[in-house]
Structures are given as structure tokens and as C-alpha cells.
PDB file of N, CA and C in Angstrom:
ATOM      1  N   UNK A   1       0.838  -1.138  -0.013  1.00  0.00           N
ATOM      2  CA  UNK A   1       0.016   0.027   0.003  1.00  0.00           C
ATOM      3  C   UNK A   1       0.875   1.226   0.084  1.00  0.00           C
ATOM      4  N   UNK A   2       0.547   2.146  -0.809  1.00  0.00           N
ATOM      5  CA  UNK A   2       1.294   3.354  -0.834  1.00  0.00           C
ATOM      6  C   UNK A   2       0.696   4.477   0.042  1.00  0.00           C
ATOM      7  N   UNK A   3       1.355   5.580   0.263  1.00  0.00           N
ATOM      8  CA  UNK A   3       0.847   6.627   1.081  1.00  0.00           C
ATOM      9  C   UNK A   3      -0.362   7.200   0.702  1.00  0.00           C
ATOM     10  N   UNK A   4      -0.645   7.313  -0.621  1.00  0.00           N
ATOM     11  CA  UNK A   4      -1.883   7.905  -1.193  1.00  0.00           C
ATOM     12  C   UNK A   4      -3.075   7.085  -0.689  1.00  0.00           C
ATOM     13  N   UNK A   5      -2.964   5.773  -0.844  1.00  0.00           N
ATOM     14  CA  UNK A   5      -4.079   4.929  -0.397  1.00  0.00           C
ATOM     15  C   UNK A   5      -4.275   4.832   1.113  1.00  0.00           C
ATOM     16  N   UNK A   6      -3.204   4.872   1.722  1.00  0.00           N
ATOM     17  CA  UNK A   6      -3.291   4.878   3.234  1.00  0.00           C
ATOM     18  C   UNK A   6      -3.921   6.161   3.703  1.00  0.00           C
ATOM     19  N   UNK A   7      -3.574   7.334   3.157  1.00  0.00           N
ATOM     20  CA  UNK A   7      -4.060   8.607   3.468  1.00  0.00           C
ATOM     21  C   UNK A   7      -5.555   8.651   3.186  1.00  0.00           C
ATOM     22  N   UNK A   8      -5.946   8.119   2.036  1.00  0.00           N
ATOM     23  CA  UNK A   8      -7.374   8.152   1.677  1.00  0.00           C
ATOM     24  C   UNK A   8      -8.152   7.337   2.550  1.00  0.00           C
ATOM     25  N   UNK A   9      -7.657   6.106   2.906  1.00  0.00           N
ATOM     26  CA  UNK A   9      -8.489   5.303   3.849  1.00  0.00           C
ATOM     27  C   UNK A   9      -8.530   5.837   5.270  1.00  0.00           C
ATOM     28  N   UNK A  10      -7.478   6.485   5.715  1.00  0.00           N
ATOM     29  CA  UNK A  10      -7.400   7.172   7.055  1.00  0.00           C
ATOM     30  C   UNK A  10      -8.388   8.238   7.092  1.00  0.00           C
ATOM     31  N   UNK A  11      -8.504   9.017   6.088  1.00  0.00           N
ATOM     32  CA  UNK A  11      -9.397  10.182   6.022  1.00  0.00           C
ATOM     33  C   UNK A  11     -10.837   9.641   5.993  1.00  0.00           C
ATOM     34  N   UNK A  12     -11.107   8.585   5.264  1.00  0.00           N
ATOM     35  CA  UNK A  12     -12.429   8.021   5.248  1.00  0.00           C
ATOM     36  C   UNK A  12     -12.813   7.397   6.601  1.00  0.00           C
ATOM     37  N   UNK A  13     -11.916   6.776   7.202  1.00  0.00           N
ATOM     38  CA  UNK A  13     -12.170   6.229   8.508  1.00  0.00           C
ATOM     39  C   UNK A  13     -12.480   7.278   9.563  1.00  0.00           C
ATOM     40  N   UNK A  14     -11.739   8.365   9.508  1.00  0.00           N
ATOM     41  CA  UNK A  14     -11.955   9.485  10.416  1.00  0.00           C
ATOM     42  C   UNK A  14     -13.363  10.129  10.161  1.00  0.00           C
ATOM     43  N   UNK A  15     -13.691  10.278   8.909  1.00  0.00           N
ATOM     44  CA  UNK A  15     -15.005  10.772   8.627  1.00  0.00           C
ATOM     45  C   UNK A  15     -16.113   9.896   9.075  1.00  0.00           C
ATOM     46  N   UNK A  16     -16.036   8.550   8.934  1.00  0.00           N
ATOM     47  CA  UNK A  16     -16.998   7.661   9.506  1.00  0.00           C
ATOM     48  C   UNK A  16     -17.076   7.788  11.042  1.00  0.00           C
ATOM     49  N   UNK A  17     -15.880   7.806  11.583  1.00  0.00           N
ATOM     50  CA  UNK A  17     -15.866   7.930  13.149  1.00  0.00           C
ATOM     51  C   UNK A  17     -16.426   9.235  13.633  1.00  0.00           C
ATOM     52  N   UNK A  18     -16.185  10.329  12.967  1.00  0.00           N
ATOM     53  CA  UNK A  18     -16.612  11.598  13.427  1.00  0.00           C
ATOM     54  C   UNK A  18     -18.155  11.806  13.281  1.00  0.00           C
ATOM     55  N   UNK A  19     -18.677  11.332  12.233  1.00  0.00           N
ATOM     56  CA  UNK A  19     -20.119  11.540  12.092  1.00  0.00           C
ATOM     57  C   UNK A  19     -20.746  10.362  11.240  1.00  0.00           C
ATOM     58  N   UNK A  20     -21.683   9.620  11.719  1.00  0.00           N
ATOM     59  CA  UNK A  20     -22.226   8.539  10.981  1.00  0.00           C
ATOM     60  C   UNK A  20     -23.698   8.695  10.843  1.00  0.00           C
ATOM     61  N   UNK A  21     -24.087   8.822   9.603  1.00  0.00           N
ATOM     62  CA  UNK A  21     -25.424   8.992   9.217  1.00  0.00           C
ATOM     63  C   UNK A  21     -25.838  10.387   8.695  1.00  0.00           C
ATOM     64  N   UNK A  22     -26.761  10.366   7.788  1.00  0.00           N
ATOM     65  CA  UNK A  22     -27.241  11.606   7.127  1.00  0.00           C
ATOM     66  C   UNK A  22     -26.416  12.344   6.222  1.00  0.00           C
ATOM     67  N   UNK A  23     -26.836  13.458   5.667  1.00  0.00           N
ATOM     68  CA  UNK A  23     -26.134  14.299   4.683  1.00  0.00           C
ATOM     69  C   UNK A  23     -24.931  14.951   5.281  1.00  0.00           C
ATOM     70  N   UNK A  24     -24.962  15.312   6.514  1.00  0.00           N
ATOM     71  CA  UNK A  24     -23.801  15.975   7.231  1.00  0.00           C
ATOM     72  C   UNK A  24     -22.627  14.993   7.258  1.00  0.00           C
ATOM     73  N   UNK A  25     -22.937  13.790   7.566  1.00  0.00           N
ATOM     74  CA  UNK A  25     -21.936  12.721   7.553  1.00  0.00           C
ATOM     75  C   UNK A  25     -21.270  12.475   6.283  1.00  0.00           C
ATOM     76  N   UNK A  26     -22.164  12.508   5.223  1.00  0.00           N
ATOM     77  CA  UNK A  26     -21.598  12.407   3.906  1.00  0.00           C
ATOM     78  C   UNK A  26     -20.627  13.545   3.535  1.00  0.00           C
ATOM     79  N   UNK A  27     -20.995  14.697   3.869  1.00  0.00           N
ATOM     80  CA  UNK A  27     -20.152  15.842   3.575  1.00  0.00           C
ATOM     81  C   UNK A  27     -18.841  15.719   4.413  1.00  0.00           C
ATOM     82  N   UNK A  28     -18.956  15.291   5.706  1.00  0.00           N
ATOM     83  CA  UNK A  28     -17.728  15.236   6.508  1.00  0.00           C
ATOM     84  C   UNK A  28     -16.839  14.108   5.962  1.00  0.00           C
ATOM     85  N   UNK A  29     -17.344  13.017   5.539  1.00  0.00           N
ATOM     86  CA  UNK A  29     -16.567  11.952   4.964  1.00  0.00           C
ATOM     87  C   UNK A  29     -15.894  12.305   3.668  1.00  0.00           C
ATOM     88  N   UNK A  30     -16.605  13.137   2.882  1.00  0.00           N
ATOM     89  CA  UNK A  30     -16.080  13.625   1.585  1.00  0.00           C
ATOM     90  C   UNK A  30     -14.945  14.579   1.905  1.00  0.00           C
ATOM     91  N   UNK A  31     -15.096  15.415   2.762  1.00  0.00           N
ATOM     92  CA  UNK A  31     -14.031  16.477   3.076  1.00  0.00           C
ATOM     93  C   UNK A  31     -12.827  15.779   3.686  1.00  0.00           C
ATOM     94  N   UNK A  32     -13.052  14.980   4.710  1.00  0.00           N
ATOM     95  CA  UNK A  32     -11.905  14.305   5.366  1.00  0.00           C
ATOM     96  C   UNK A  32     -11.218  13.246   4.505  1.00  0.00           C
ATOM     97  N   UNK A  33     -11.917  12.604   3.615  1.00  0.00           N
ATOM     98  CA  UNK A  33     -11.373  11.669   2.600  1.00  0.00           C
ATOM     99  C   UNK A  33     -10.538  12.534   1.665  1.00  0.00           C
ATOM    100  N   UNK A  34     -10.995  13.659   1.229  1.00  0.00           N
ATOM    101  CA  UNK A  34     -10.113  14.472   0.349  1.00  0.00           C
ATOM    102  C   UNK A  34      -8.892  14.986   0.949  1.00  0.00           C
ATOM    103  N   UNK A  35      -9.021  15.391   2.314  1.00  0.00           N
ATOM    104  CA  UNK A  35      -7.768  15.769   3.006  1.00  0.00           C
ATOM    105  C   UNK A  35      -6.899  14.622   3.233  1.00  0.00           C
ATOM    106  N   UNK A  36      -7.338  13.472   3.550  1.00  0.00           N
ATOM    107  CA  UNK A  36      -6.505  12.378   3.652  1.00  0.00           C
ATOM    108  C   UNK A  36      -5.900  11.992   2.303  1.00  0.00           C
ATOM    109  N   UNK A  37      -6.491  12.131   1.252  1.00  0.00           N
ATOM    110  CA  UNK A  37      -5.892  11.912  -0.101  1.00  0.00           C
ATOM    111  C   UNK A  37      -4.792  12.964  -0.343  1.00  0.00           C
ATOM    112  N   UNK A  38      -5.021  14.188  -0.013  1.00  0.00           N
ATOM    113  CA  UNK A  38      -3.952  15.175  -0.224  1.00  0.00           C
ATOM    114  C   UNK A  38      -2.798  14.909   0.593  1.00  0.00           C
ATOM    115  N   UNK A  39      -2.963  14.553   1.858  1.00  0.00           N
ATOM    116  CA  UNK A  39      -1.899  14.281   2.759  1.00  0.00           C
ATOM    117  C   UNK A  39      -1.122  12.974   2.266  1.00  0.00           C
ATOM    118  N   UNK A  40      -1.759  12.041   1.747  1.00  0.00           N
ATOM    119  CA  UNK A  40      -1.081  10.882   1.239  1.00  0.00           C
ATOM    120  C   UNK A  40      -0.299  11.150   0.026  1.00  0.00           C
ATOM    121  N   UNK A  41      -0.911  11.907  -0.907  1.00  0.00           N
ATOM    122  CA  UNK A  41      -0.165  12.377  -2.086  1.00  0.00           C
ATOM    123  C   UNK A  41       1.113  13.182  -1.777  1.00  0.00           C
ATOM    124  N   UNK A  42       0.979  14.032  -0.754  1.00  0.00           N
ATOM    125  CA  UNK A  42       2.119  14.863  -0.327  1.00  0.00           C
ATOM    126  C   UNK A  42       3.193  13.888   0.257  1.00  0.00           C
ATOM    127  N   UNK A  43       2.766  12.945   1.004  1.00  0.00           N
ATOM    128  CA  UNK A  43       3.703  12.049   1.604  1.00  0.00           C
ATOM    129  C   UNK A  43       4.456  11.221   0.614  1.00  0.00           C
ATOM    130  N   UNK A  44       3.829  10.869  -0.436  1.00  0.00           N
ATOM    131  CA  UNK A  44       4.379  10.115  -1.590  1.00  0.00           C
ATOM    132  C   UNK A  44       5.296  10.907  -2.461  1.00  0.00           C
ATOM    133  N   UNK A  45       5.194  12.275  -2.276  1.00  0.00           N
ATOM    134  CA  UNK A  45       5.901  13.188  -3.147  1.00  0.00           C
ATOM    135  C   UNK A  45       5.352  13.442  -4.530  1.00  0.00           C
ATOM    136  N   UNK A  46       4.026  13.132  -4.592  1.00  0.00           N
ATOM    137  CA  UNK A  46       3.311  13.211  -5.914  1.00  0.00           C
ATOM    138  C   UNK A  46       2.453  14.542  -5.912  1.00  0.00           C
ATOM    139  N   UNK A  47       2.525  15.311  -4.905  1.00  0.00           N
ATOM    140  CA  UNK A  47       1.752  16.548  -4.813  1.00  0.00           C
ATOM    141  C   UNK A  47       2.680  17.675  -4.639  1.00  0.00           C
ATOM    142  N   UNK A  48       2.673  18.616  -5.633  1.00  0.00           N
ATOM    143  CA  UNK A  48       3.567  19.716  -5.488  1.00  0.00           C
ATOM    144  C   UNK A  48       2.726  20.983  -5.294  1.00  0.00           C
ATOM    145  N   UNK A  49       2.662  21.472  -3.973  1.00  0.00           N
ATOM    146  CA  UNK A  49       1.877  22.508  -3.583  1.00  0.00           C
ATOM    147  C   UNK A  49       2.281  23.831  -4.221  1.00  0.00           C
ATOM    148  N   UNK A  50       3.640  23.983  -4.473  1.00  0.00           N
ATOM    149  CA  UNK A  50       4.188  25.153  -5.013  1.00  0.00           C
ATOM    150  C   UNK A  50       3.622  25.367  -6.381  1.00  0.00           C
ATOM    151  N   UNK A  51       3.542  24.295  -7.146  1.00  0.00           N
ATOM    152  CA  UNK A  51       3.016  24.293  -8.510  1.00  0.00           C
ATOM    153  C   UNK A  51       1.517  24.662  -8.561  1.00  0.00           C
ATOM    154  N   UNK A  52       0.790  24.111  -7.574  1.00  0.00           N
ATOM    155  CA  UNK A  52      -0.689  24.442  -7.469  1.00  0.00           C
ATOM    156  C   UNK A  52      -0.859  25.877  -7.178  1.00  0.00           C
ATOM    157  N   UNK A  53      -0.078  26.480  -6.213  1.00  0.00           N
ATOM    158  CA  UNK A  53      -0.235  27.885  -5.793  1.00  0.00           C
ATOM    159  C   UNK A  53       0.214  28.746  -6.972  1.00  0.00           C
ATOM    160  N   UNK A  54       1.274  28.408  -7.664  1.00  0.00           N
ATOM    161  CA  UNK A  54       1.819  29.153  -8.787  1.00  0.00           C
ATOM    162  C   UNK A  54       0.818  29.118  -9.897  1.00  0.00           C
ATOM    163  N   UNK A  55       0.112  28.079 -10.180  1.00  0.00           N
ATOM    164  CA  UNK A  55      -0.847  28.020 -11.228  1.00  0.00           C
ATOM    165  C   UNK A  55      -2.063  28.984 -10.892  1.00  0.00           C
ATOM    166  N   UNK A  56      -2.438  28.963  -9.612  1.00  0.00           N
ATOM    167  CA  UNK A  56      -3.532  29.812  -9.220  1.00  0.00           C
ATOM    168  C   UNK A  56      -3.115  31.329  -9.353  1.00  0.00           C
ATOM    169  N   UNK A  57      -1.846  31.513  -8.968  1.00  0.00           N
ATOM    170  CA  UNK A  57      -1.338  32.930  -9.140  1.00  0.00           C
ATOM    171  C   UNK A  57      -1.331  33.429 -10.546  1.00  0.00           C
ATOM    172  N   UNK A  58      -0.948  32.452 -11.472  1.00  0.00           N
ATOM    173  CA  UNK A  58      -0.770  32.808 -12.907  1.00  0.00           C
ATOM    174  C   UNK A  58      -2.195  33.194 -13.507  1.00  0.00           C
ATOM    175  N   UNK A  59      -3.279  32.672 -13.044  1.00  0.00           N
ATOM    176  CA  UNK A  59      -4.544  32.909 -13.603  1.00  0.00           C
ATOM    177  C   UNK A  59      -4.986  34.340 -13.418  1.00  0.00           C
ATOM    178  N   UNK A  60      -4.557  34.986 -12.347  1.00  0.00           N
ATOM    179  CA  UNK A  60      -4.907  36.288 -11.915  1.00  0.00           C
ATOM    180  C   UNK A  60      -4.366  37.253 -12.815  1.00  0.00           C
TER     181      UNK A  60
END
């Protein structure tokens, strides 16, 4: 298992643990799963935050 998958699974598990049931839980799981995915990608070295910030700055 690579860091991206571990991060995604960890974020999803935290989301389920934090709130279980209803639309609010769905949103919590979605947000925490996305954060877990980003942390995992960063840990694997596959996420370059400087490039993302630079791309957003270039659009302005």
C-alpha cells in the first residue's frame, strides 16, 4: 500500500468515526477523505503545492 491509499483510507475512517448517518456525515466523509488523499499524495511526493499555488497565481 502506498501513502496515497493509506491517506485516503485514514481520512475516510476518520470521517465515518466523526459523524455517522445523514447528509452531514456524507459531507464530513467527503471532506476528510479528500484531506486524507492530499496528505497521502504529499507524503508520496506526488503533490507539488508550489505548482498548485503558482498556477492559481498565474490565472490572476
